[in-house]
Protein backbone atom coordinates (compact mmCIF):
# COMPACT_ATOMS: atom_id res chain seq x y z
CA UNK A 1 0.00 0.00 0.00
CA UNK A 2 2.86 2.38 0.70
CA UNK A 3 3.97 2.31 -2.92
CA UNK A 4 0.47 3.29 -4.07
CA UNK A 5 0.44 6.30 -1.75
CA UNK A 6 3.76 7.43 -3.20
CA UNK A 7 2.57 6.80 -6.75
CA UNK A 8 -0.65 8.74 -6.16
CA UNK A 9 1.21 11.73 -4.74
CA UNK A 10 3.65 11.72 -7.65
CA UNK A 11 0.72 11.64 -10.07
CA UNK A 12 -0.95 14.53 -8.21
CA UNK A 13 2.27 16.57 -8.44
CA UNK A 14 2.50 15.80 -12.16
CA UNK A 15 -1.08 16.95 -12.75
CA UNK A 16 -0.49 20.13 -10.71
CA UNK A 17 2.63 20.93 -12.73
CA UNK A 18 0.71 20.37 -15.97
CA UNK A 19 -2.06 22.71 -14.79
CA UNK A 20 0.48 25.41 -13.90
CA UNK A 21 1.91 25.02 -17.41
CA UNK A 22 -1.56 25.60 -18.88
CA UNK A 23 -2.64 22.03 -19.63
CA UNK A 24 -6.22 21.11 -18.86
CA UNK A 25 -7.95 17.75 -18.69
CA UNK A 26 -10.38 17.02 -21.47
CA UNK A 27 -14.06 16.92 -20.64
CA UNK A 28 -15.20 14.86 -23.58
CA UNK A 29 -15.18 11.15 -24.12
CA UNK A 30 -12.64 9.58 -26.47
CA UNK A 31 -13.80 9.02 -30.02
CA UNK A 32 -15.48 5.74 -30.78
CA UNK A 33 -13.12 3.15 -32.15
CA UNK A 34 -13.26 2.54 -35.88
CA UNK A 35 -12.65 -0.69 -37.71
CA UNK A 36 -9.08 -0.97 -39.03
CA UNK A 37 -9.80 -3.17 -42.05
CA UNK A 38 -12.48 -3.74 -44.64
CA UNK A 39 -15.08 -1.44 -46.15
CA UNK A 40 -16.22 -0.27 -42.72
CA UNK A 41 -12.75 1.17 -42.08
CA UNK A 42 -13.04 3.61 -45.00
CA UNK A 43 -14.05 7.22 -44.44
CA UNK A 44 -17.02 8.64 -46.33
CA UNK A 45 -14.67 10.32 -48.82
CA UNK A 46 -12.73 7.09 -49.37
CA UNK A 47 -15.97 5.18 -49.93
CA UNK A 48 -17.11 7.73 -52.55
CA UNK A 49 -13.83 7.29 -54.44
CA UNK A 50 -13.94 3.49 -54.17
CA UNK A 51 -17.49 3.26 -55.53
C-alpha atoms as a PDB file:
ATOM      1  CA  UNK A   1       0.000   0.000   0.000  1.00  0.00           C
ATOM      2  CA  UNK A   2       2.865   2.384   0.704  1.00  0.00           C
ATOM      3  CA  UNK A   3       3.973   2.312  -2.921  1.00  0.00           C
ATOM      4  CA  UNK A   4       0.474   3.286  -4.070  1.00  0.00           C
ATOM      5  CA  UNK A   5       0.436   6.300  -1.748  1.00  0.00           C
ATOM      6  CA  UNK A   6       3.756   7.433  -3.201  1.00  0.00           C
ATOM      7  CA  UNK A   7       2.574   6.803  -6.750  1.00  0.00           C
ATOM      8  CA  UNK A   8      -0.655   8.744  -6.159  1.00  0.00           C
ATOM      9  CA  UNK A   9       1.211  11.729  -4.742  1.00  0.00           C
ATOM     10  CA  UNK A  10       3.653  11.716  -7.654  1.00  0.00           C
ATOM     11  CA  UNK A  11       0.716  11.637 -10.069  1.00  0.00           C
ATOM     12  CA  UNK A  12      -0.949  14.528  -8.212  1.00  0.00           C
ATOM     13  CA  UNK A  13       2.267  16.570  -8.443  1.00  0.00           C
ATOM     14  CA  UNK A  14       2.504  15.802 -12.162  1.00  0.00           C
ATOM     15  CA  UNK A  15      -1.084  16.954 -12.746  1.00  0.00           C
ATOM     16  CA  UNK A  16      -0.493  20.132 -10.709  1.00  0.00           C
ATOM     17  CA  UNK A  17       2.627  20.931 -12.731  1.00  0.00           C
ATOM     18  CA  UNK A  18       0.713  20.374 -15.968  1.00  0.00           C
ATOM     19  CA  UNK A  19      -2.064  22.712 -14.786  1.00  0.00           C
ATOM     20  CA  UNK A  20       0.480  25.406 -13.904  1.00  0.00           C
ATOM     21  CA  UNK A  21       1.908  25.017 -17.405  1.00  0.00           C
ATOM     22  CA  UNK A  22      -1.559  25.598 -18.882  1.00  0.00           C
ATOM     23  CA  UNK A  23      -2.640  22.032 -19.634  1.00  0.00           C
ATOM     24  CA  UNK A  24      -6.223  21.110 -18.862  1.00  0.00           C
ATOM     25  CA  UNK A  25      -7.950  17.745 -18.695  1.00  0.00           C
ATOM     26  CA  UNK A  26     -10.381  17.019 -21.474  1.00  0.00           C
ATOM     27  CA  UNK A  27     -14.060  16.918 -20.640  1.00  0.00           C
ATOM     28  CA  UNK A  28     -15.199  14.857 -23.581  1.00  0.00           C
ATOM     29  CA  UNK A  29     -15.179  11.153 -24.124  1.00  0.00           C
ATOM     30  CA  UNK A  30     -12.642   9.578 -26.469  1.00  0.00           C
ATOM     31  CA  UNK A  31     -13.801   9.019 -30.017  1.00  0.00           C
ATOM     32  CA  UNK A  32     -15.482   5.735 -30.779  1.00  0.00           C
ATOM     33  CA  UNK A  33     -13.124   3.152 -32.154  1.00  0.00           C
ATOM     34  CA  UNK A  34     -13.263   2.537 -35.878  1.00  0.00           C
ATOM     35  CA  UNK A  35     -12.646  -0.687 -37.713  1.00  0.00           C
ATOM     36  CA  UNK A  36      -9.085  -0.970 -39.031  1.00  0.00           C
ATOM     37  CA  UNK A  37      -9.797  -3.168 -42.054  1.00  0.00           C
ATOM     38  CA  UNK A  38     -12.475  -3.740 -44.643  1.00  0.00           C
ATOM     39  CA  UNK A  39     -15.076  -1.442 -46.148  1.00  0.00           C
ATOM     40  CA  UNK A  40     -16.223  -0.273 -42.720  1.00  0.00           C
ATOM     41  CA  UNK A  41     -12.748   1.175 -42.085  1.00  0.00           C
ATOM     42  CA  UNK A  42     -13.036   3.608 -45.001  1.00  0.00           C
ATOM     43  CA  UNK A  43     -14.047   7.217 -44.441  1.00  0.00           C
ATOM     44  CA  UNK A  44     -17.022   8.640 -46.329  1.00  0.00           C
ATOM     45  CA  UNK A  45     -14.671  10.322 -48.815  1.00  0.00           C
ATOM     46  CA  UNK A  46     -12.726   7.091 -49.371  1.00  0.00           C
ATOM     47  CA  UNK A  47     -15.966   5.176 -49.933  1.00  0.00           C
ATOM     48  CA  UNK A  48     -17.108   7.725 -52.551  1.00  0.00           C
ATOM     49  CA  UNK A  49     -13.831   7.294 -54.440  1.00  0.00           C
ATOM     50  CA  UNK A  50     -13.943   3.494 -54.168  1.00  0.00           C
ATOM     51  CA  UNK A  51     -17.485   3.256 -55.529  1.00  0.00           C
END
